[in-house]
Amino acid sequence: MSQPGNLTVVPSTQPQAGGSSLVLPTEKTLLQSTKLALKTKKPVCFYFYIDSLKGKISIVSDGEDRVIFKNEDEHTSPILNTYKSDNCFIVVTENTIYIISSETQVR
């Protein structure tokens, strides 16, 4: 499926076919995150998703709290729960639900 900007979207059940492909979360992951969003009344956000595919973020401990961290200016509020769903983590923070790659480094 061709997308604007010459980006090819590859469903997550297919292998990634090159440097300009974007592997999407599975339908199961999207359904589970939607259920959590309705239950917790928090928005689902993909802000860190592409960076997680590129290995540019990590889950780090900040004292007693864990956060999704990209840099000093870009990180989440404390993580409350993390769920594994197929090729992704569904991360529930105090304010938002994030979907990130399950390949994200945890430090």
C-alpha atoms as a PDB file:
ATOM      1  CA  MET A   1       0.000   0.000   0.000  1.00  0.00           C
ATOM      2  CA  SER A   2       1.584   3.279  -1.062  1.00  0.00           C
ATOM      3  CA  GLN A   3       1.359   6.318   1.189  1.00  0.00           C
ATOM      4  CA  PRO A   4       2.194  10.019   0.826  1.00  0.00           C
ATOM      5  CA  GLY A   5       5.877  10.852   0.993  1.00  0.00           C
ATOM      6  CA  ASN A   6       6.946   7.521  -0.575  1.00  0.00           C
ATOM      7  CA  LEU A   7       6.480   5.676   2.733  1.00  0.00           C
ATOM      8  CA  THR A   8       5.337   2.081   2.431  1.00  0.00           C
ATOM      9  CA  VAL A   9       3.105   0.830   5.219  1.00  0.00           C
ATOM     10  CA  VAL A  10       3.642  -2.837   6.031  1.00  0.00           C
ATOM     11  CA  PRO A  11       1.089  -4.672   8.215  1.00  0.00           C
ATOM     12  CA  SER A  12       2.874  -6.146  11.218  1.00  0.00           C
ATOM     13  CA  THR A  13       2.209  -9.708  10.050  1.00  0.00           C
ATOM     14  CA  GLN A  14       4.512  -9.140   7.057  1.00  0.00           C
ATOM     15  CA  PRO A  15       8.302  -8.857   7.311  1.00  0.00           C
ATOM     16  CA  GLN A  16       9.752  -5.393   7.021  1.00  0.00           C
ATOM     17  CA  ALA A  17      10.829  -4.923   3.408  1.00  0.00           C
ATOM     18  CA  GLY A  18      13.410  -2.165   3.537  1.00  0.00           C
ATOM     19  CA  GLY A  19      14.535   1.071   5.099  1.00  0.00           C
ATOM     20  CA  SER A  20      11.472   3.120   4.153  1.00  0.00           C
ATOM     21  CA  SER A  21       8.843   0.731   5.526  1.00  0.00           C
ATOM     22  CA  LEU A  22       6.741   1.310   8.605  1.00  0.00           C
ATOM     23  CA  VAL A  23       5.578  -1.744  10.553  1.00  0.00           C
ATOM     24  CA  LEU A  24       2.209  -1.022  12.136  1.00  0.00           C
ATOM     25  CA  PRO A  25       0.932  -2.339  15.469  1.00  0.00           C
ATOM     26  CA  THR A  26      -1.336  -5.363  15.060  1.00  0.00           C
ATOM     27  CA  GLU A  27      -5.128  -5.117  15.149  1.00  0.00           C
ATOM     28  CA  LYS A  28      -5.032  -6.981  18.488  1.00  0.00           C
ATOM     29  CA  THR A  29      -2.703  -4.328  19.947  1.00  0.00           C
ATOM     30  CA  LEU A  30      -4.882  -1.486  18.677  1.00  0.00           C
ATOM     31  CA  LEU A  31      -8.017  -3.154  20.066  1.00  0.00           C
ATOM     32  CA  GLN A  32      -6.414  -3.761  23.486  1.00  0.00           C
ATOM     33  CA  SER A  33      -5.132  -0.172  23.689  1.00  0.00           C
ATOM     34  CA  THR A  34      -8.590   1.128  22.728  1.00  0.00           C
ATOM     35  CA  LYS A  35     -10.196  -0.947  25.499  1.00  0.00           C
ATOM     36  CA  LEU A  36      -7.669   0.432  28.006  1.00  0.00           C
ATOM     37  CA  ALA A  37      -8.307   3.987  26.789  1.00  0.00           C
ATOM     38  CA  LEU A  38     -12.059   3.632  27.263  1.00  0.00           C
ATOM     39  CA  LYS A  39     -11.617   2.014  30.685  1.00  0.00           C
ATOM     40  CA  THR A  40      -9.069   4.547  31.992  1.00  0.00           C
ATOM     41  CA  LYS A  41     -10.369   7.611  30.070  1.00  0.00           C
ATOM     42  CA  LYS A  42      -6.848   8.292  28.773  1.00  0.00           C
ATOM     43  CA  PRO A  43      -5.864   9.046  25.171  1.00  0.00           C
ATOM     44  CA  VAL A  44      -3.810   6.605  23.092  1.00  0.00           C
ATOM     45  CA  CYS A  45      -0.695   8.287  21.721  1.00  0.00           C
ATOM     46  CA  PHE A  46       1.804   7.197  19.071  1.00  0.00           C
ATOM     47  CA  TYR A  47       4.245  10.034  19.791  1.00  0.00           C
ATOM     48  CA  PHE A  48       7.175   7.685  20.543  1.00  0.00           C
ATOM     49  CA  TYR A  49       6.192   4.850  18.165  1.00  0.00           C
ATOM     50  CA  ILE A  50       8.446   5.602  15.173  1.00  0.00           C
ATOM     51  CA  ASP A  51      11.360   6.499  17.445  1.00  0.00           C
ATOM     52  CA  SER A  52      10.876   3.158  19.234  1.00  0.00           C
ATOM     53  CA  LEU A  53      11.135   1.321  15.894  1.00  0.00           C
ATOM     54  CA  LYS A  54      14.410   3.161  15.243  1.00  0.00           C
ATOM     55  CA  GLY A  55      15.798   2.368  18.727  1.00  0.00           C
ATOM     56  CA  LYS A  56      15.875   6.049  19.710  1.00  0.00           C
ATOM     57  CA  ILE A  57      13.951   5.699  22.982  1.00  0.00           C
ATOM     58  CA  SER A  58      14.159   3.502  26.062  1.00  0.00           C
ATOM     59  CA  ILE A  59      12.257   2.781  29.242  1.00  0.00           C
ATOM     60  CA  VAL A  60      14.383   4.033  32.127  1.00  0.00           C
ATOM     61  CA  SER A  61      14.139   4.255  35.897  1.00  0.00           C
ATOM     62  CA  ASP A  62      14.005   7.787  37.223  1.00  0.00           C
ATOM     63  CA  GLY A  63      14.447   7.119  40.922  1.00  0.00           C
ATOM     64  CA  GLU A  64      11.399   5.103  41.961  1.00  0.00           C
ATOM     65  CA  ASP A  65       9.511   5.824  38.730  1.00  0.00           C
ATOM     66  CA  ARG A  66       9.935   4.406  35.232  1.00  0.00           C
ATOM     67  CA  VAL A  67       9.392   6.611  32.153  1.00  0.00           C
ATOM     68  CA  ILE A  68       9.634   6.388  28.373  1.00  0.00           C
ATOM     69  CA  PHE A  69      12.704   8.501  27.661  1.00  0.00           C
ATOM     70  CA  LYS A  70      13.964  10.046  24.428  1.00  0.00           C
ATOM     71  CA  ASN A  71      15.921  13.013  25.824  1.00  0.00           C
ATOM     72  CA  GLU A  72      15.758  15.529  28.668  1.00  0.00           C
ATOM     73  CA  ASP A  73      12.927  17.399  26.919  1.00  0.00           C
ATOM     74  CA  GLU A  74      10.969  14.413  25.604  1.00  0.00           C
ATOM     75  CA  HIS A  75       9.822  11.839  28.135  1.00  0.00           C
ATOM     76  CA  THR A  76       6.584  10.663  29.689  1.00  0.00           C
ATOM     77  CA  SER A  77       4.994  10.989  33.068  1.00  0.00           C
ATOM     78  CA  PRO A  78       5.620   7.952  35.325  1.00  0.00           C
ATOM     79  CA  ILE A  79       4.606   4.550  33.965  1.00  0.00           C
ATOM     80  CA  LEU A  80       1.788   2.823  35.858  1.00  0.00           C
ATOM     81  CA  ASN A  81       1.560  -0.422  33.823  1.00  0.00           C
ATOM     82  CA  THR A  82       3.179  -2.021  30.797  1.00  0.00           C
ATOM     83  CA  TYR A  83       1.510  -4.734  28.714  1.00  0.00           C
ATOM     84  CA  LYS A  84       3.084  -6.843  25.941  1.00  0.00           C
ATOM     85  CA  SER A  85       0.871  -7.280  22.886  1.00  0.00           C
ATOM     86  CA  ASP A  86       2.369  -9.027  19.853  1.00  0.00           C
ATOM     87  CA  ASN A  87       5.161  -6.757  18.542  1.00  0.00           C
ATOM     88  CA  CYS A  88       4.420  -3.830  20.876  1.00  0.00           C
ATOM     89  CA  PHE A  89       4.300  -2.641  24.439  1.00  0.00           C
ATOM     90  CA  ILE A  90       1.167  -0.831  25.565  1.00  0.00           C
ATOM     91  CA  VAL A  91       2.434   1.570  28.215  1.00  0.00           C
ATOM     92  CA  VAL A  92      -0.014   3.253  30.593  1.00  0.00           C
ATOM     93  CA  THR A  93       1.333   6.405  32.230  1.00  0.00           C
ATOM     94  CA  GLU A  94      -0.345   8.795  34.646  1.00  0.00           C
ATOM     95  CA  ASN A  95      -1.771  10.793  31.738  1.00  0.00           C
ATOM     96  CA  THR A  96      -1.602   8.781  28.503  1.00  0.00           C
ATOM     97  CA  ILE A  97      -1.441   5.333  26.896  1.00  0.00           C
ATOM     98  CA  TYR A  98       1.539   4.911  24.559  1.00  0.00           C
ATOM     99  CA  ILE A  99       2.143   2.217  21.967  1.00  0.00           C
ATOM    100  CA  ILE A 100       5.832   1.499  21.360  1.00  0.00           C
ATOM    101  CA  SER A 101       7.865  -1.322  19.826  1.00  0.00           C
ATOM    102  CA  SER A 102       8.498  -4.360  22.011  1.00  0.00           C
ATOM    103  CA  GLU A 103      12.139  -4.064  20.910  1.00  0.00           C
ATOM    104  CA  THR A 104      12.458  -0.909  23.054  1.00  0.00           C
ATOM    105  CA  GLN A 105      15.402  -1.183  25.441  1.00  0.00           C
ATOM    106  CA  VAL A 106      14.555  -1.288  29.152  1.00  0.00           C
ATOM    107  CA  ARG A 107      17.283   0.129  31.406  1.00  0.00           C
END
